[in-house]
Amino acid sequence: MLRRTTHAVAGPHRVVVETDDPALQICDFVAFADAGFDVVVCSGPDAGHPCGAVAGAGCALVAEADVVFNDLRDPAVQRRVAAAVRQTAPAVPMVVRVAPGCEDTLPAGCEPLTSVTSLSGQTAALRRAVTHEVGAQPPRGQDVRGGASAASNTAVTSGA
């Protein structure tokens, strides 16, 4: 399990980004840092590096986090890690990026975010989570992807 802090200067909120995508593991998450988040990356569990939360022991990274952004690609691993984090750290909000239509498969207390969400939508979801506004509707004029309304936003990205 790769664990890496992407910025030395702490923002007001720490986010643990759980991703097994090799391209995102080397990303510096500038958009999250610019939004005021201190970013720590965890590659999720693999054969040689088990997840402490899944083992029931909790996770030191999550214990120090203000919010978790679960972006693991395998739906079964994603659900298992999300459920374990919710059980071992129920006070830490969690935003989970899922494929459209899979929102109902998440454990209670997770904020689903569809995989077609823009970077601004991702940072907005993280802000809502740390301010305990999970489930709040996007501001007027924004679509569910977090960008400007569909009429004025034609370039919605799917990655961080």
Foldseek 3Di string as FASTA:
>chain_A
DDKAWLDPDAFPFEEEEAELPPVVVPDSPVLLVVLRYGYMYDPADDPVRHDCLLVVNEDPSQVPGQEYEYEYDDVVSSQSVQVSNCVNPVNRAYEYEDDPPCVVSHDPRYQYAYLQAASQLVSVQVVCRSVVVRPPDAPPQADSSRDGPPVPDDDGDRDD
